[in-house]
Protein backbone atom coordinates (compact mmCIF):
# COMPACT_ATOMS: atom_id res chain seq x y z
CA MET A 1 -50.84 -12.00 30.36
CA ARG A 2 -51.16 -11.93 26.60
CA SER A 3 -51.25 -15.18 24.69
CA ILE A 4 -51.30 -16.30 21.09
CA ALA A 5 -53.46 -19.14 19.81
CA ALA A 6 -52.35 -21.05 16.73
CA THR A 7 -54.70 -23.19 14.70
CA LEU A 8 -53.73 -24.60 11.32
CA LEU A 9 -56.36 -26.00 8.98
CA ALA A 10 -55.80 -28.33 6.04
CA MET A 11 -56.55 -26.77 2.67
CA GLY A 12 -56.57 -27.73 -1.01
CA VAL A 13 -57.27 -30.93 -2.92
CA LEU A 14 -55.94 -33.30 -0.28
CA ALA A 15 -58.07 -31.69 2.39
CA ALA A 16 -61.16 -32.29 0.29
CA ALA A 17 -60.26 -35.94 -0.20
CA ARG A 18 -60.28 -36.98 3.46
CA PRO A 19 -60.98 -35.55 6.92
CA ALA A 20 -58.54 -32.94 8.20
CA ALA A 21 -57.55 -32.01 11.73
CA ALA A 22 -55.18 -29.65 13.49
CA SER A 23 -54.12 -28.98 17.04
CA THR A 24 -54.86 -25.78 18.93
CA LEU A 25 -52.25 -24.46 21.35
CA SER A 26 -51.93 -21.15 23.12
CA VAL A 27 -48.62 -19.69 24.27
CA ALA A 28 -47.96 -16.99 26.85
CA PRO A 29 -46.14 -14.66 26.81
CA ILE A 30 -45.95 -14.08 23.06
CA ARG A 31 -42.33 -12.91 23.20
CA VAL A 32 -39.38 -13.26 25.55
CA GLU A 33 -36.91 -10.61 26.74
CA LEU A 34 -33.61 -11.63 28.36
CA SER A 35 -30.71 -9.60 29.70
CA SER A 36 -27.63 -9.87 31.91
CA ALA A 37 -29.93 -9.29 34.88
CA ALA A 38 -32.67 -11.68 33.69
CA ARG A 39 -31.02 -14.67 32.05
CA THR A 40 -34.03 -17.02 32.24
CA ALA A 41 -37.71 -16.80 31.32
CA VAL A 42 -40.77 -19.02 31.63
CA ILE A 43 -43.28 -19.80 28.85
CA THR A 44 -46.59 -21.61 29.34
CA VAL A 45 -47.98 -23.75 26.53
CA SER A 46 -51.67 -24.64 26.87
CA ASN A 47 -53.50 -27.38 24.98
CA GLN A 48 -57.14 -26.60 24.19
CA GLU A 49 -57.80 -29.99 22.60
CA ASP A 50 -59.26 -33.20 24.05
CA ALA A 51 -56.17 -35.13 22.98
CA ALA A 52 -52.54 -34.84 24.08
CA VAL A 53 -50.11 -32.99 21.81
CA VAL A 54 -46.39 -33.71 21.52
CA VAL A 55 -44.29 -30.59 20.90
CA GLN A 56 -40.63 -30.02 20.11
CA ALA A 57 -39.02 -26.73 21.24
CA ARG A 58 -35.96 -25.44 19.38
CA PRO A 59 -34.15 -22.09 19.72
CA VAL A 60 -32.76 -20.47 16.57
CA ALA A 61 -30.75 -17.36 15.75
CA TRP A 62 -32.88 -14.79 13.93
CA SER A 63 -31.60 -12.45 11.24
CA GLN A 64 -33.15 -10.68 8.27
CA HIS A 65 -31.83 -10.52 4.72
CA ASP A 66 -33.60 -8.87 1.78
CA ALA A 67 -36.70 -8.34 3.99
CA ARG A 68 -36.88 -12.08 4.74
CA ASP A 69 -36.41 -13.86 8.05
CA GLN A 70 -33.42 -16.18 8.33
CA LEU A 71 -33.44 -18.81 11.11
CA ASP A 72 -30.23 -20.69 11.94
CA ASP A 73 -29.27 -23.21 14.60
CA THR A 74 -27.79 -21.72 17.76
CA HIS A 75 -26.26 -22.84 21.04
CA ASP A 76 -26.75 -19.44 22.68
CA LEU A 77 -30.06 -20.46 24.28
CA LEU A 78 -31.16 -23.54 26.20
CA VAL A 79 -34.82 -24.58 26.24
CA THR A 80 -36.09 -27.20 28.68
CA PRO A 81 -37.73 -29.52 28.15
CA PRO A 82 -36.86 -29.70 24.42
CA LEU A 83 -39.54 -32.35 23.81
CA PHE A 84 -42.74 -32.60 25.82
CA THR A 85 -46.34 -33.75 25.82
CA VAL A 86 -49.09 -31.28 26.67
CA PRO A 87 -52.00 -33.24 28.20
CA PRO A 88 -55.60 -32.72 27.06
CA LYS A 89 -56.89 -29.37 28.36
CA GLY A 90 -53.56 -29.07 30.18
CA GLN A 91 -50.40 -26.99 30.28
CA GLN A 92 -46.64 -27.34 30.02
CA VAL A 93 -44.10 -24.87 31.41
CA LEU A 94 -40.95 -24.18 29.36
CA ARG A 95 -37.82 -22.48 30.61
CA VAL A 96 -35.53 -20.49 28.33
CA ALA A 97 -31.99 -19.74 29.51
CA LEU A 98 -29.30 -17.50 28.03
CA LEU A 99 -25.96 -19.33 27.77
CA ARG A 100 -23.81 -16.52 26.39
CA GLU A 101 -23.04 -12.99 27.50
CA PRO A 102 -25.16 -10.20 26.03
CA ASP A 103 -23.53 -8.06 23.37
CA PRO A 104 -21.99 -4.87 24.78
CA ALA A 105 -23.79 -2.52 22.38
CA ARG A 106 -26.32 -4.37 20.22
CA GLU A 107 -29.45 -6.39 20.92
CA LEU A 108 -29.26 -10.10 20.06
CA ASP A 109 -32.25 -11.62 18.28
CA TYR A 110 -33.56 -15.18 18.39
CA ARG A 111 -36.76 -17.13 17.93
CA LEU A 112 -38.17 -20.10 19.79
CA VAL A 113 -39.72 -22.58 17.36
CA LEU A 114 -42.48 -24.81 18.75
CA SER A 115 -43.35 -27.64 16.37
CA GLU A 116 -45.99 -30.30 16.81
CA VAL A 117 -44.66 -33.85 16.47
CA PRO A 118 -47.16 -35.80 14.35
CA SER A 119 -48.67 -38.89 15.92
CA THR A 120 -49.63 -42.16 14.31
CA ALA A 121 -53.26 -41.78 15.42
CA ALA A 122 -54.16 -39.61 12.42
CA LEU A 123 -52.73 -42.18 10.02
CA GLU A 124 -54.65 -44.97 11.69
CA LYS A 125 -57.88 -42.95 11.31
CA ASN A 126 -57.04 -42.08 7.67
CA GLU A 127 -56.97 -38.37 8.58
CA LEU A 128 -54.92 -35.66 6.96
CA ARG A 129 -53.39 -33.92 9.96
CA VAL A 130 -51.62 -30.59 9.62
CA THR A 131 -48.92 -30.11 12.24
CA LEU A 132 -48.66 -26.65 13.72
CA ARG A 133 -45.57 -24.48 14.08
CA ILE A 134 -45.29 -21.40 16.27
CA THR A 135 -42.27 -19.09 16.45
CA LEU A 136 -41.82 -16.64 19.32
CA PRO A 137 -39.33 -13.73 19.30
CA VAL A 138 -36.59 -13.82 21.92
CA PHE A 139 -34.68 -10.56 22.45
CA VAL A 140 -31.48 -10.24 24.49
CA ARG A 141 -30.84 -6.68 25.62
CA ALA A 142 -27.42 -5.18 25.10
CA ARG A 143 -25.34 -4.28 28.14
CA ALA A 144 -25.34 -0.65 27.07
CA SER A 145 -28.47 1.30 26.23
CA ALA A 146 -29.80 0.17 22.83
CA ALA A 147 -32.71 1.51 20.84
CA PRO A 148 -34.13 1.46 17.31
CA ASP A 149 -33.51 4.43 15.02
CA LEU A 150 -35.60 4.55 11.86
CA GLY A 151 -35.03 6.48 8.67
CA TRP A 152 -38.06 6.73 6.36
CA SER A 153 -38.35 7.35 2.63
CA HIS A 154 -40.84 6.80 -0.15
CA VAL A 155 -41.12 6.63 -3.92
CA TRP A 156 -44.08 6.71 -6.27
CA LEU A 157 -43.96 3.73 -8.64
CA PRO A 158 -44.96 3.81 -12.31
CA ASP A 159 -48.20 1.93 -11.56
CA GLY A 160 -49.30 4.76 -9.25
CA SER A 161 -48.66 2.90 -5.98
CA LEU A 162 -46.64 4.33 -3.11
CA GLN A 163 -43.65 2.39 -1.83
CA VAL A 164 -42.69 3.32 1.73
CA GLU A 165 -39.37 2.13 3.16
CA ALA A 166 -38.01 2.18 6.70
CA HIS A 167 -34.39 1.44 7.61
CA ASN A 168 -33.46 0.61 11.20
CA ARG A 169 -30.13 2.33 11.86
CA GLY A 170 -30.34 1.57 15.57
CA THR A 171 -29.06 -1.19 17.83
CA ALA A 172 -32.39 -2.76 18.85
CA HIS A 173 -35.46 -4.09 17.06
CA ILE A 174 -38.74 -2.33 16.46
CA GLN A 175 -42.11 -3.77 15.47
CA ILE A 176 -44.14 -1.46 13.25
CA LEU A 177 -47.80 -2.22 13.98
CA ASP A 178 -49.58 0.16 11.60
CA PHE A 179 -49.29 3.65 10.12
CA ASP A 180 -51.05 6.30 8.07
CA VAL A 181 -49.46 8.34 5.29
CA HIS A 182 -50.68 11.77 4.21
CA ASP A 183 -49.56 14.95 2.53
CA VAL A 184 -47.78 17.52 4.70
CA GLN A 185 -50.66 19.93 3.98
CA SER A 186 -53.38 17.56 5.26
CA SER A 187 -54.06 15.17 8.15
CA GLU A 188 -54.26 11.41 8.52
CA HIS A 189 -58.06 11.70 8.48
CA ALA A 190 -58.22 13.69 5.26
CA PRO A 191 -59.50 12.11 2.03
CA GLY A 192 -56.62 10.46 0.22
CA ALA A 193 -54.71 9.45 3.34
CA LEU A 194 -53.29 5.94 3.03
CA HIS A 195 -53.36 3.29 5.79
CA ASN A 196 -51.20 0.23 6.37
CA ASP A 197 -51.93 -2.34 9.09
CA GLY A 198 -49.36 -4.99 8.21
CA ALA A 199 -47.23 -5.48 11.35
CA ARG A 200 -43.55 -6.13 10.73
CA TYR A 201 -40.35 -6.46 12.76
CA LEU A 202 -37.22 -4.58 11.76
CA LEU A 203 -34.08 -5.96 13.39
CA PRO A 204 -31.00 -3.72 13.79
CA GLY A 205 -29.47 -2.81 10.44
CA THR A 206 -32.42 -4.04 8.35
CA SER A 207 -35.02 -2.43 6.10
CA ALA A 208 -38.67 -3.08 5.27
CA GLN A 209 -40.93 -1.91 2.47
CA TRP A 210 -44.69 -1.47 2.21
CA GLN A 211 -46.63 -0.85 -0.99
CA LEU A 212 -49.75 1.29 -0.64
CA HIS A 213 -52.39 1.89 -3.31
CA PRO A 214 -54.12 5.27 -3.57
CA GLY A 215 -57.70 5.56 -4.75
CA ALA A 216 -58.55 5.93 -8.40
CA GLY A 217 -57.86 9.40 -9.73
CA GLN A 218 -55.80 10.45 -6.71
CA ALA A 219 -52.81 12.49 -7.81
CA PRO A 220 -49.59 11.58 -5.99
CA PRO A 221 -48.30 14.57 -3.99
CA ALA A 222 -44.77 15.71 -4.66
CA GLY A 223 -42.23 16.19 -1.91
CA ALA A 224 -42.28 15.00 1.69
CA LEU A 225 -45.02 12.95 3.34
CA ILE A 226 -46.07 12.58 6.97
CA ILE A 227 -46.14 9.06 8.44
CA LYS A 228 -47.96 8.60 11.73
CA GLY A 229 -48.26 5.19 13.33
CA HIS A 230 -47.86 2.78 16.23
CA SER A 231 -45.03 0.45 17.23
CA ASP A 232 -43.96 -1.67 20.17
CA ALA A 233 -41.68 1.24 21.10
CA GLY A 234 -44.59 3.70 21.16
CA ASP A 235 -46.44 6.01 18.77
CA PHE A 236 -44.44 7.90 16.14
CA THR A 237 -44.84 10.77 13.70
CA VAL A 238 -42.09 11.23 11.11
CA THR A 239 -41.46 13.00 7.83
CA SER A 240 -40.63 10.81 4.87
CA SER A 241 -38.43 12.21 2.12
CA PRO A 242 -38.58 11.05 -1.48
CA GLY A 243 -35.76 8.71 -2.46
CA ALA A 244 -33.42 6.65 -0.31
CA PRO A 245 -33.79 6.44 3.50
CA GLN A 246 -32.04 9.24 5.37
């Protein structure tokens, strides 16, 4: 089972002025999928520290606007317990339940926010303690078959950089993990091929942009480009047209 470990460290002037500390938690699985057939899920939170950690769990509705995540309060999900203490070197099991019916045609998107509740111990020790915050995706499958559908485009900017855009026309999310961009006459391993490894989610109906920087003296090719990459829906190879997404 995959897990994600989150450690936040204090930085800046205040961190230099006094000791800093942060908790270390791991969470598994790293995302939750619910449906009409599987309306509940279990998450395990593990504490790797020698001290107990108090955590608050809060579900939120997840949307994207202007390539930014928007998190809003929701009553569609129930998380129990909402407030808990993870013992030193111990674990806590969370249960997530879907309280509404899935959408007939479109995936529903949420996040589970896990926030550390600061204790008074750090203040008593004159420590600067940075509280951690982890957000996990929660996807609710549509009753009908739903899938992402991406349209790709690109434009060369005046500074010589390449802006690649993807628009999700589908009814389910996709997470782009990485991709390579190259001329239609060459391969992804040829000199001048561009690589991007910035993972990003695209929810249904949203767009994302990446800005890539060719090497010095590299002439931008005209016309279509080939984009080959990896996503949580599998590998992909697409043709990108100049201009707006198709």
